[in-house]
Amino acid sequence: MEQAEKVIEAFVKAGDNRDVAALESILHHGFQNIQDGFFDERGIFVFSKSDYIELIRTKRFGGSPRRLIINNIKQSDNMAIARVILESQFLIFHSLIICIRDNGHWKIINNTPTIEVK
């Protein structure tokens, strides 16, 4: 479970620092970010790995330090599911993060946040 927690921590840190190179290696090629709402727009938005990285690169996502709380994490041999809270100065994210072990390396394959403004 420790390795899955480490990749979650690395994912959060990479987003906070807008570290696109780190995200390239942390995110699985099948990664999806699924969220309800996108800034002022309503509805469900699904972002692929390349979409998500572009949002980080163009500074629409990321760049604000967040405190990470892992509420719980359940792991099988090759998959871990975590419920986390990420809190920045302006937003609180309640996220379900799914990690998989791919060729011996833990990767983030899904992030499903609900976002509230403080």
N, C-alpha and C. Protein backbone atom coordinates (compact mmCIF):
# COMPACT_ATOMS: atom_id res chain seq x y z
N MET A 1 0.82 -1.20 0.00
CA MET A 1 0.00 0.00 0.00
C MET A 1 0.86 1.26 0.00
N GLU A 2 2.04 1.14 0.58
CA GLU A 2 2.93 2.29 0.66
C GLU A 2 3.30 2.84 -0.72
N GLN A 3 3.52 1.95 -1.69
CA GLN A 3 3.88 2.41 -3.04
C GLN A 3 2.71 3.13 -3.71
N ALA A 4 1.50 2.66 -3.50
CA ALA A 4 0.32 3.33 -4.06
C ALA A 4 0.17 4.72 -3.42
N GLU A 5 0.38 4.82 -2.13
CA GLU A 5 0.31 6.11 -1.45
C GLU A 5 1.38 7.06 -2.00
N LYS A 6 2.56 6.55 -2.27
CA LYS A 6 3.64 7.38 -2.80
C LYS A 6 3.30 7.94 -4.18
N VAL A 7 2.67 7.13 -5.04
CA VAL A 7 2.32 7.63 -6.37
C VAL A 7 1.20 8.67 -6.27
N ILE A 8 0.29 8.52 -5.31
CA ILE A 8 -0.75 9.53 -5.10
C ILE A 8 -0.11 10.84 -4.65
N GLU A 9 0.80 10.75 -3.69
CA GLU A 9 1.51 11.95 -3.23
C GLU A 9 2.28 12.61 -4.38
N ALA A 10 2.93 11.81 -5.22
CA ALA A 10 3.69 12.35 -6.35
C ALA A 10 2.75 13.01 -7.37
N PHE A 11 1.57 12.43 -7.58
CA PHE A 11 0.57 12.99 -8.49
C PHE A 11 0.12 14.37 -8.02
N VAL A 12 -0.18 14.47 -6.74
CA VAL A 12 -0.62 15.75 -6.17
C VAL A 12 0.50 16.79 -6.27
N LYS A 13 1.70 16.41 -5.88
CA LYS A 13 2.84 17.33 -5.93
C LYS A 13 3.11 17.80 -7.35
N ALA A 14 3.03 16.88 -8.32
CA ALA A 14 3.28 17.24 -9.72
C ALA A 14 2.24 18.25 -10.21
N GLY A 15 0.98 18.07 -9.81
CA GLY A 15 -0.05 19.04 -10.18
C GLY A 15 0.17 20.37 -9.52
N ASP A 16 0.50 20.35 -8.24
CA ASP A 16 0.74 21.59 -7.49
C ASP A 16 1.87 22.40 -8.12
N ASN A 17 2.91 21.68 -8.59
CA ASN A 17 4.10 22.33 -9.15
C ASN A 17 4.06 22.46 -10.67
N ARG A 18 2.95 22.03 -11.25
CA ARG A 18 2.81 22.01 -12.72
C ARG A 18 3.99 21.30 -13.39
N ASP A 19 4.35 20.16 -12.83
CA ASP A 19 5.48 19.37 -13.31
C ASP A 19 4.99 18.37 -14.35
N VAL A 20 4.95 18.82 -15.59
CA VAL A 20 4.42 18.02 -16.70
C VAL A 20 5.25 16.76 -16.91
N ALA A 21 6.55 16.85 -16.78
CA ALA A 21 7.42 15.68 -16.97
C ALA A 21 7.09 14.59 -15.95
N ALA A 22 6.88 14.98 -14.70
CA ALA A 22 6.52 14.00 -13.68
C ALA A 22 5.17 13.37 -13.99
N LEU A 23 4.21 14.19 -14.41
CA LEU A 23 2.88 13.67 -14.74
C LEU A 23 2.94 12.67 -15.89
N GLU A 24 3.79 12.91 -16.84
CA GLU A 24 3.95 11.98 -17.98
C GLU A 24 4.27 10.57 -17.48
N SER A 25 5.10 10.47 -16.44
CA SER A 25 5.48 9.14 -15.94
C SER A 25 4.52 8.61 -14.88
N ILE A 26 3.83 9.48 -14.16
CA ILE A 26 2.93 9.07 -13.08
C ILE A 26 1.58 8.59 -13.63
N LEU A 27 1.09 9.23 -14.70
CA LEU A 27 -0.23 8.90 -15.24
C LEU A 27 -0.14 7.73 -16.22
N HIS A 28 -1.03 6.78 -16.06
CA HIS A 28 -1.15 5.64 -16.98
C HIS A 28 -1.62 6.15 -18.34
N HIS A 29 -1.24 5.47 -19.42
CA HIS A 29 -1.64 5.92 -20.76
C HIS A 29 -3.16 5.95 -20.92
N GLY A 30 -3.90 5.17 -20.12
CA GLY A 30 -5.36 5.17 -20.17
C GLY A 30 -6.02 6.08 -19.15
N PHE A 31 -5.25 6.96 -18.54
CA PHE A 31 -5.74 7.87 -17.49
C PHE A 31 -6.96 8.67 -17.95
N GLN A 32 -7.89 8.83 -17.00
CA GLN A 32 -9.03 9.73 -17.18
C GLN A 32 -9.25 10.53 -15.90
N ASN A 33 -9.55 11.80 -16.08
CA ASN A 33 -10.00 12.67 -14.99
C ASN A 33 -11.46 12.97 -15.31
N ILE A 34 -12.36 12.58 -14.41
CA ILE A 34 -13.78 12.76 -14.62
C ILE A 34 -14.30 13.66 -13.52
N GLN A 35 -14.89 14.80 -13.91
CA GLN A 35 -15.35 15.73 -12.89
C GLN A 35 -16.69 16.35 -13.27
N ASP A 36 -17.41 16.73 -12.24
CA ASP A 36 -18.71 17.36 -12.40
C ASP A 36 -18.51 18.87 -12.33
N GLY A 37 -18.50 19.50 -13.50
CA GLY A 37 -18.26 20.94 -13.58
C GLY A 37 -16.84 21.23 -14.02
N PHE A 38 -16.70 22.35 -14.70
CA PHE A 38 -15.39 22.80 -15.18
C PHE A 38 -15.40 24.32 -15.09
N PHE A 39 -14.88 24.82 -13.97
CA PHE A 39 -14.93 26.24 -13.65
C PHE A 39 -16.39 26.68 -13.65
N ASP A 40 -16.81 27.57 -14.53
CA ASP A 40 -18.20 28.05 -14.51
C ASP A 40 -19.16 27.20 -15.33
N GLU A 41 -18.65 26.17 -15.99
CA GLU A 41 -19.49 25.32 -16.82
C GLU A 41 -20.03 24.15 -16.00
N ARG A 42 -21.28 23.80 -16.28
CA ARG A 42 -21.91 22.66 -15.60
C ARG A 42 -21.85 21.43 -16.48
N GLY A 43 -21.94 20.27 -15.83
CA GLY A 43 -21.95 19.00 -16.54
C GLY A 43 -20.75 18.15 -16.21
N ILE A 44 -20.73 16.97 -16.80
CA ILE A 44 -19.64 16.02 -16.59
C ILE A 44 -18.57 16.27 -17.65
N PHE A 45 -17.33 16.36 -17.21
CA PHE A 45 -16.19 16.57 -18.10
C PHE A 45 -15.21 15.41 -17.91
N VAL A 46 -14.81 14.84 -19.03
CA VAL A 46 -13.86 13.72 -19.02
C VAL A 46 -12.61 14.16 -19.76
N PHE A 47 -11.47 14.09 -19.07
CA PHE A 47 -10.20 14.50 -19.65
C PHE A 47 -9.28 13.29 -19.74
N SER A 48 -8.69 13.10 -20.91
CA SER A 48 -7.69 12.04 -21.10
C SER A 48 -6.37 12.49 -20.48
N LYS A 49 -5.39 11.61 -20.53
CA LYS A 49 -4.05 11.97 -20.05
C LYS A 49 -3.52 13.19 -20.78
N SER A 50 -3.62 13.19 -22.10
CA SER A 50 -3.08 14.33 -22.86
C SER A 50 -3.87 15.61 -22.59
N ASP A 51 -5.20 15.50 -22.45
CA ASP A 51 -6.01 16.67 -22.11
C ASP A 51 -5.59 17.24 -20.75
N TYR A 52 -5.45 16.34 -19.77
CA TYR A 52 -5.12 16.75 -18.41
C TYR A 52 -3.76 17.45 -18.37
N ILE A 53 -2.78 16.85 -19.03
CA ILE A 53 -1.44 17.44 -19.05
C ILE A 53 -1.47 18.80 -19.75
N GLU A 54 -2.26 18.93 -20.79
CA GLU A 54 -2.36 20.22 -21.47
C GLU A 54 -3.00 21.27 -20.55
N LEU A 55 -3.98 20.88 -19.75
CA LEU A 55 -4.59 21.81 -18.78
C LEU A 55 -3.56 22.26 -17.74
N ILE A 56 -2.66 21.38 -17.36
CA ILE A 56 -1.58 21.73 -16.43
C ILE A 56 -0.58 22.65 -17.15
N ARG A 57 -0.18 22.26 -18.35
CA ARG A 57 0.82 23.01 -19.12
C ARG A 57 0.35 24.45 -19.39
N THR A 58 -0.94 24.62 -19.69
CA THR A 58 -1.49 25.94 -20.00
C THR A 58 -1.96 26.70 -18.76
N LYS A 59 -1.69 26.12 -17.60
CA LYS A 59 -1.96 26.75 -16.30
C LYS A 59 -3.44 26.94 -16.00
N ARG A 60 -4.29 26.11 -16.62
CA ARG A 60 -5.71 26.13 -16.26
C ARG A 60 -5.93 25.26 -15.03
N PHE A 61 -5.10 24.24 -14.84
CA PHE A 61 -5.12 23.38 -13.66
C PHE A 61 -3.77 23.52 -12.97
N GLY A 62 -3.77 23.26 -11.67
CA GLY A 62 -2.53 23.16 -10.92
C GLY A 62 -1.94 24.49 -10.51
N GLY A 63 -0.77 24.40 -9.90
CA GLY A 63 -0.03 25.59 -9.52
C GLY A 63 -0.33 26.14 -8.15
N SER A 64 -1.20 25.48 -7.40
CA SER A 64 -1.55 25.95 -6.06
C SER A 64 -1.29 24.81 -5.08
N PRO A 65 -0.46 25.03 -4.07
CA PRO A 65 -0.17 23.96 -3.11
C PRO A 65 -1.44 23.46 -2.42
N ARG A 66 -1.54 22.15 -2.28
CA ARG A 66 -2.69 21.54 -1.61
C ARG A 66 -2.22 20.60 -0.51
N ARG A 67 -3.00 20.58 0.54
CA ARG A 67 -2.77 19.62 1.63
C ARG A 67 -3.50 18.34 1.25
N LEU A 68 -2.82 17.22 1.37
CA LEU A 68 -3.37 15.91 1.02
C LEU A 68 -3.74 15.14 2.28
N ILE A 69 -4.98 14.66 2.31
CA ILE A 69 -5.42 13.74 3.37
C ILE A 69 -5.93 12.49 2.68
N ILE A 70 -5.31 11.35 2.96
CA ILE A 70 -5.81 10.08 2.42
C ILE A 70 -6.75 9.51 3.48
N ASN A 71 -8.05 9.57 3.19
CA ASN A 71 -9.05 9.08 4.15
C ASN A 71 -9.01 7.57 4.28
N ASN A 72 -8.97 6.89 3.15
CA ASN A 72 -8.78 5.45 3.18
C ASN A 72 -8.25 4.98 1.85
N ILE A 73 -7.62 3.84 1.89
CA ILE A 73 -7.07 3.24 0.68
C ILE A 73 -7.21 1.73 0.81
N LYS A 74 -7.71 1.12 -0.25
CA LYS A 74 -7.86 -0.34 -0.28
C LYS A 74 -7.08 -0.84 -1.48
N GLN A 75 -6.28 -1.87 -1.23
CA GLN A 75 -5.40 -2.37 -2.28
C GLN A 75 -5.56 -3.87 -2.47
N SER A 76 -5.63 -4.28 -3.72
CA SER A 76 -5.49 -5.68 -4.09
C SER A 76 -4.08 -5.83 -4.64
N ASP A 77 -3.80 -6.93 -5.29
CA ASP A 77 -2.44 -7.14 -5.79
C ASP A 77 -1.97 -6.02 -6.70
N ASN A 78 -2.81 -5.64 -7.67
CA ASN A 78 -2.38 -4.71 -8.71
C ASN A 78 -3.23 -3.46 -8.84
N MET A 79 -4.10 -3.22 -7.87
CA MET A 79 -4.96 -2.05 -7.93
C MET A 79 -5.17 -1.50 -6.53
N ALA A 80 -5.20 -0.17 -6.44
CA ALA A 80 -5.49 0.50 -5.17
C ALA A 80 -6.52 1.60 -5.44
N ILE A 81 -7.48 1.70 -4.53
CA ILE A 81 -8.53 2.72 -4.63
C ILE A 81 -8.46 3.57 -3.37
N ALA A 82 -8.32 4.87 -3.57
CA ALA A 82 -8.16 5.78 -2.43
C ALA A 82 -9.21 6.88 -2.47
N ARG A 83 -9.71 7.22 -1.31
CA ARG A 83 -10.56 8.40 -1.14
C ARG A 83 -9.70 9.44 -0.44
N VAL A 84 -9.58 10.59 -1.09
CA VAL A 84 -8.69 11.62 -0.57
C VAL A 84 -9.37 12.97 -0.55
N ILE A 85 -8.82 13.85 0.26
CA ILE A 85 -9.22 15.26 0.28
C ILE A 85 -7.97 16.06 -0.02
N LEU A 86 -8.11 16.99 -0.96
CA LEU A 86 -7.03 17.91 -1.31
C LEU A 86 -7.56 19.31 -1.03
N GLU A 87 -6.82 20.06 -0.24
CA GLU A 87 -7.30 21.39 0.13
C GLU A 87 -6.25 22.44 -0.20
N SER A 88 -6.67 23.41 -1.04
CA SER A 88 -5.81 24.54 -1.36
C SER A 88 -6.36 25.77 -0.66
N GLN A 89 -5.78 26.89 -0.95
CA GLN A 89 -6.23 28.14 -0.35
C GLN A 89 -7.66 28.47 -0.77
N PHE A 90 -8.06 28.05 -1.97
CA PHE A 90 -9.36 28.45 -2.52
C PHE A 90 -10.35 27.31 -2.73
N LEU A 91 -9.84 26.07 -2.88
CA LEU A 91 -10.70 24.95 -3.24
C LEU A 91 -10.49 23.74 -2.34
N ILE A 92 -11.53 22.90 -2.27
CA ILE A 92 -11.43 21.60 -1.61
C ILE A 92 -11.86 20.55 -2.64
N PHE A 93 -11.00 19.56 -2.85
CA PHE A 93 -11.29 18.46 -3.77
C PHE A 93 -11.54 17.21 -2.95
N HIS A 94 -12.67 16.57 -3.17
CA HIS A 94 -12.96 15.25 -2.60
C HIS A 94 -12.80 14.29 -3.78
N SER A 95 -11.74 13.49 -3.76
CA SER A 95 -11.41 12.69 -4.94
C SER A 95 -11.38 11.20 -4.64
N LEU A 96 -11.77 10.45 -5.66
CA LEU A 96 -11.56 9.02 -5.71
C LEU A 96 -10.42 8.83 -6.71
N ILE A 97 -9.32 8.26 -6.25
CA ILE A 97 -8.15 8.05 -7.11
C ILE A 97 -7.90 6.56 -7.21
N ILE A 98 -7.77 6.08 -8.45
CA ILE A 98 -7.50 4.66 -8.69
C ILE A 98 -6.10 4.53 -9.27
N CYS A 99 -5.32 3.66 -8.64
CA CYS A 99 -3.95 3.39 -9.08
C CYS A 99 -3.87 1.93 -9.52
N ILE A 100 -3.03 1.67 -10.51
CA ILE A 100 -2.78 0.29 -10.92
C ILE A 100 -1.27 0.07 -11.01
N ARG A 101 -0.90 -1.20 -10.79
CA ARG A 101 0.50 -1.57 -10.96
C ARG A 101 0.65 -2.06 -12.40
N ASP A 102 1.45 -1.34 -13.17
CA ASP A 102 1.64 -1.62 -14.59
C ASP A 102 3.12 -1.92 -14.81
N ASN A 103 3.41 -3.16 -15.17
CA ASN A 103 4.81 -3.59 -15.37
C ASN A 103 5.68 -3.27 -14.16
N GLY A 104 5.12 -3.49 -12.97
CA GLY A 104 5.87 -3.30 -11.74
C GLY A 104 5.88 -1.87 -11.20
N HIS A 105 5.26 -0.94 -11.92
CA HIS A 105 5.25 0.46 -11.49
C HIS A 105 3.82 0.92 -11.23
N TRP A 106 3.62 1.61 -10.11
CA TRP A 106 2.29 2.14 -9.79
C TRP A 106 2.04 3.40 -10.60
N LYS A 107 0.85 3.46 -11.21
CA LYS A 107 0.43 4.59 -12.04
C LYS A 107 -0.98 5.01 -11.62
N ILE A 108 -1.30 6.27 -11.84
CA ILE A 108 -2.66 6.76 -11.62
C ILE A 108 -3.43 6.54 -12.92
N ILE A 109 -4.57 5.82 -12.83
CA ILE A 109 -5.37 5.59 -14.02
C ILE A 109 -6.68 6.39 -13.99
N ASN A 110 -7.10 6.82 -12.80
CA ASN A 110 -8.34 7.58 -12.72
C ASN A 110 -8.31 8.53 -11.54
N ASN A 111 -8.82 9.74 -11.78
CA ASN A 111 -9.03 10.72 -10.73
C ASN A 111 -10.45 11.26 -10.94
N THR A 112 -11.28 11.12 -9.93
CA THR A 112 -12.66 11.59 -10.02
C THR A 112 -12.92 12.54 -8.85
N PRO A 113 -12.70 13.83 -9.08
CA PRO A 113 -12.91 14.80 -8.00
C PRO A 113 -14.29 15.45 -8.04
N THR A 114 -14.78 15.79 -6.87
CA THR A 114 -15.84 16.78 -6.75
C THR A 114 -15.16 17.98 -6.12
N ILE A 115 -15.51 19.15 -6.60
CA ILE A 115 -14.77 20.35 -6.22
C ILE A 115 -15.71 21.35 -5.58
N GLU A 116 -15.28 21.88 -4.44
CA GLU A 116 -16.06 22.93 -3.81
C GLU A 116 -15.18 24.15 -3.57
N VAL A 117 -15.77 25.30 -3.74
CA VAL A 117 -15.07 26.56 -3.50
C VAL A 117 -15.18 26.87 -2.02
N LYS A 118 -14.09 27.32 -1.43
CA LYS A 118 -14.08 27.66 -0.01
C LYS A 118 -14.82 28.97 0.23
